[in-house]
Amino acid sequence: MLNLPRGLVNRLTGSFLIAFDEKGKDDRQVVDCGLNIKNFTKKVHVPDYVRFVAQGSSANTIYDDFNHNQHARGSKHIRKHWEYSQECLEIIEEYATTYPEIIVAI
């Protein structure tokens, strides 16, 4: 799909702070390089670009909670995850192409 390292899309679509020292300034500079499309802590996201999936249609089984034997999950377990729209993936791809140094920093 995007051929980006694992976990990078998750970090890139949220808030990603980069701190650096700038000549002539005593304080450290901080820049938010993330796309801020979603924020799990505040439970907010941009509709039509990303959504949080807590349970799927087949997720209403005993295998959906994490209080049981981890090896007994089988294929019925559906983890909580983010789903991204095609438009969002296109934005991420353009961002990664335009700013490859951000991808390296992440």
C-alpha atoms as a PDB file:
ATOM      1  CA  MET A   1       0.000   0.000   0.000  1.00  0.00           C
ATOM      2  CA  LEU A   2       2.184   2.912   1.209  1.00  0.00           C
ATOM      3  CA  ASN A   3       5.352   0.889   1.860  1.00  0.00           C
ATOM      4  CA  LEU A   4       6.060   2.829   5.043  1.00  0.00           C
ATOM      5  CA  PRO A   5       7.568   1.319   8.196  1.00  0.00           C
ATOM      6  CA  ARG A   6       5.188  -0.275  10.662  1.00  0.00           C
ATOM      7  CA  GLY A   7       3.607   2.177  13.084  1.00  0.00           C
ATOM      8  CA  LEU A   8       4.626   5.204  11.049  1.00  0.00           C
ATOM      9  CA  VAL A   9       1.129   5.934   9.723  1.00  0.00           C
ATOM     10  CA  ASN A  10      -0.246   5.852  13.260  1.00  0.00           C
ATOM     11  CA  ARG A  11       2.345   8.354  14.492  1.00  0.00           C
ATOM     12  CA  LEU A  12       2.146  10.539  11.398  1.00  0.00           C
ATOM     13  CA  THR A  13      -1.640  10.938  11.491  1.00  0.00           C
ATOM     14  CA  GLY A  14      -1.543  12.073  15.096  1.00  0.00           C
ATOM     15  CA  SER A  15       0.580  14.702  16.788  1.00  0.00           C
ATOM     16  CA  PHE A  16       4.327  14.249  16.307  1.00  0.00           C
ATOM     17  CA  LEU A  17       6.564  16.779  18.040  1.00  0.00           C
ATOM     18  CA  ILE A  18      10.141  17.422  16.962  1.00  0.00           C
ATOM     19  CA  ALA A  19      12.387  19.476  19.237  1.00  0.00           C
ATOM     20  CA  PHE A  20      15.544  21.195  18.010  1.00  0.00           C
ATOM     21  CA  ASP A  21      18.029  23.855  19.012  1.00  0.00           C
ATOM     22  CA  GLU A  22      18.170  26.989  16.892  1.00  0.00           C
ATOM     23  CA  LYS A  23      21.202  29.267  16.771  1.00  0.00           C
ATOM     24  CA  GLY A  24      20.613  32.568  18.515  1.00  0.00           C
ATOM     25  CA  LYS A  25      17.788  31.262  20.706  1.00  0.00           C
ATOM     26  CA  ASP A  26      18.208  29.990  24.238  1.00  0.00           C
ATOM     27  CA  ASP A  27      15.024  27.929  24.372  1.00  0.00           C
ATOM     28  CA  ARG A  28      14.561  24.695  22.536  1.00  0.00           C
ATOM     29  CA  GLN A  29      12.195  24.976  19.565  1.00  0.00           C
ATOM     30  CA  VAL A  30       9.312  22.489  19.225  1.00  0.00           C
ATOM     31  CA  VAL A  31       7.381  21.901  16.012  1.00  0.00           C
ATOM     32  CA  ASP A  32       4.366  19.632  15.547  1.00  0.00           C
ATOM     33  CA  CYS A  33       5.009  17.745  12.284  1.00  0.00           C
ATOM     34  CA  GLY A  34       2.055  15.370  12.584  1.00  0.00           C
ATOM     35  CA  LEU A  35      -1.056  15.668  10.456  1.00  0.00           C
ATOM     36  CA  ASN A  36      -3.318  15.784  13.554  1.00  0.00           C
ATOM     37  CA  ILE A  37      -6.091  13.854  11.819  1.00  0.00           C
ATOM     38  CA  LYS A  38      -6.755  11.875  14.990  1.00  0.00           C
ATOM     39  CA  ASN A  39      -6.157  12.064  18.721  1.00  0.00           C
ATOM     40  CA  PHE A  40      -6.880   8.903  20.703  1.00  0.00           C
ATOM     41  CA  THR A  41      -6.429  10.568  24.096  1.00  0.00           C
ATOM     42  CA  LYS A  42      -9.010  13.274  23.389  1.00  0.00           C
ATOM     43  CA  LYS A  43     -11.221  10.807  21.477  1.00  0.00           C
ATOM     44  CA  VAL A  44     -11.404  13.065  18.403  1.00  0.00           C
ATOM     45  CA  HIS A  45     -10.749  12.476  14.717  1.00  0.00           C
ATOM     46  CA  VAL A  46     -11.533  13.961  11.307  1.00  0.00           C
ATOM     47  CA  PRO A  47     -14.618  12.182   9.926  1.00  0.00           C
ATOM     48  CA  ASP A  48     -14.345  10.713   6.421  1.00  0.00           C
ATOM     49  CA  TYR A  49     -10.559  10.432   6.782  1.00  0.00           C
ATOM     50  CA  VAL A  50     -10.101   8.136   9.765  1.00  0.00           C
ATOM     51  CA  ARG A  51     -12.248   6.207  12.210  1.00  0.00           C
ATOM     52  CA  PHE A  52     -11.575   4.185  15.323  1.00  0.00           C
ATOM     53  CA  VAL A  53     -12.926   0.645  15.227  1.00  0.00           C
ATOM     54  CA  ALA A  54     -13.489  -0.816  18.664  1.00  0.00           C
ATOM     55  CA  GLN A  55     -15.575  -3.802  17.598  1.00  0.00           C
ATOM     56  CA  GLY A  56     -16.329  -5.344  14.258  1.00  0.00           C
ATOM     57  CA  SER A  57     -19.585  -7.017  13.307  1.00  0.00           C
ATOM     58  CA  SER A  58     -18.134 -10.414  14.155  1.00  0.00           C
ATOM     59  CA  ALA A  59     -16.386  -9.108  17.256  1.00  0.00           C
ATOM     60  CA  ASN A  60     -19.115  -9.920  19.760  1.00  0.00           C
ATOM     61  CA  THR A  61     -17.507 -13.082  21.047  1.00  0.00           C
ATOM     62  CA  ILE A  62     -15.688 -14.091  24.192  1.00  0.00           C
ATOM     63  CA  TYR A  63     -12.466 -13.636  22.238  1.00  0.00           C
ATOM     64  CA  ASP A  64     -12.768  -9.855  22.146  1.00  0.00           C
ATOM     65  CA  ASP A  65     -11.710  -9.106  25.687  1.00  0.00           C
ATOM     66  CA  PHE A  66      -8.110  -9.426  26.819  1.00  0.00           C
ATOM     67  CA  ASN A  67      -8.882 -11.248  30.076  1.00  0.00           C
ATOM     68  CA  HIS A  68      -8.481 -14.745  28.720  1.00  0.00           C
ATOM     69  CA  ASN A  69      -5.703 -17.005  27.531  1.00  0.00           C
ATOM     70  CA  GLN A  70      -3.783 -15.100  24.825  1.00  0.00           C
ATOM     71  CA  HIS A  71      -3.230 -18.321  22.842  1.00  0.00           C
ATOM     72  CA  ALA A  72      -6.939 -19.129  22.706  1.00  0.00           C
ATOM     73  CA  ARG A  73      -7.945 -16.113  20.625  1.00  0.00           C
ATOM     74  CA  GLY A  74      -7.919 -17.823  17.291  1.00  0.00           C
ATOM     75  CA  SER A  75      -9.199 -15.926  14.290  1.00  0.00           C
ATOM     76  CA  LYS A  76     -12.241 -14.502  16.095  1.00  0.00           C
ATOM     77  CA  HIS A  77     -10.315 -11.785  17.909  1.00  0.00           C
ATOM     78  CA  ILE A  78     -10.553  -8.290  16.403  1.00  0.00           C
ATOM     79  CA  ARG A  79      -8.254  -5.706  17.964  1.00  0.00           C
ATOM     80  CA  LYS A  80      -9.140  -2.073  18.334  1.00  0.00           C
ATOM     81  CA  HIS A  81      -7.597  -0.157  15.453  1.00  0.00           C
ATOM     82  CA  TRP A  82      -7.775   2.872  13.189  1.00  0.00           C
ATOM     83  CA  GLU A  83      -9.138   2.656   9.657  1.00  0.00           C
ATOM     84  CA  TYR A  84      -8.009   5.206   7.080  1.00  0.00           C
ATOM     85  CA  SER A  85      -9.914   6.328   3.980  1.00  0.00           C
ATOM     86  CA  GLN A  86      -8.362   6.319   0.520  1.00  0.00           C
ATOM     87  CA  GLU A  87      -8.264  10.134   0.602  1.00  0.00           C
ATOM     88  CA  CYS A  88      -6.341  10.014   3.882  1.00  0.00           C
ATOM     89  CA  LEU A  89      -3.853   7.516   2.448  1.00  0.00           C
ATOM     90  CA  GLU A  90      -3.297   9.811  -0.537  1.00  0.00           C
ATOM     91  CA  ILE A  91      -2.570  12.721   1.827  1.00  0.00           C
ATOM     92  CA  ILE A  92      -0.121  10.562   3.802  1.00  0.00           C
ATOM     93  CA  GLU A  93       1.612   9.464   0.597  1.00  0.00           C
ATOM     94  CA  GLU A  94       1.950  13.062  -0.611  1.00  0.00           C
ATOM     95  CA  TYR A  95       3.241  14.150   2.812  1.00  0.00           C
ATOM     96  CA  ALA A  96       5.822  11.345   2.870  1.00  0.00           C
ATOM     97  CA  THR A  97       6.986  12.228  -0.652  1.00  0.00           C
ATOM     98  CA  THR A  98       7.173  15.971   0.024  1.00  0.00           C
ATOM     99  CA  TYR A  99       8.843  15.715   3.445  1.00  0.00           C
ATOM    100  CA  PRO A 100      11.012  12.559   3.520  1.00  0.00           C
ATOM    101  CA  GLU A 101      13.101  14.002   6.376  1.00  0.00           C
ATOM    102  CA  ILE A 102      10.016  13.779   8.635  1.00  0.00           C
ATOM    103  CA  ILE A 103       9.654  10.091   7.795  1.00  0.00           C
ATOM    104  CA  VAL A 104      13.306   9.546   8.710  1.00  0.00           C
ATOM    105  CA  ALA A 105      12.813  11.450  11.991  1.00  0.00           C
ATOM    106  CA  ILE A 106       9.836   9.298  12.944  1.00  0.00           C
END
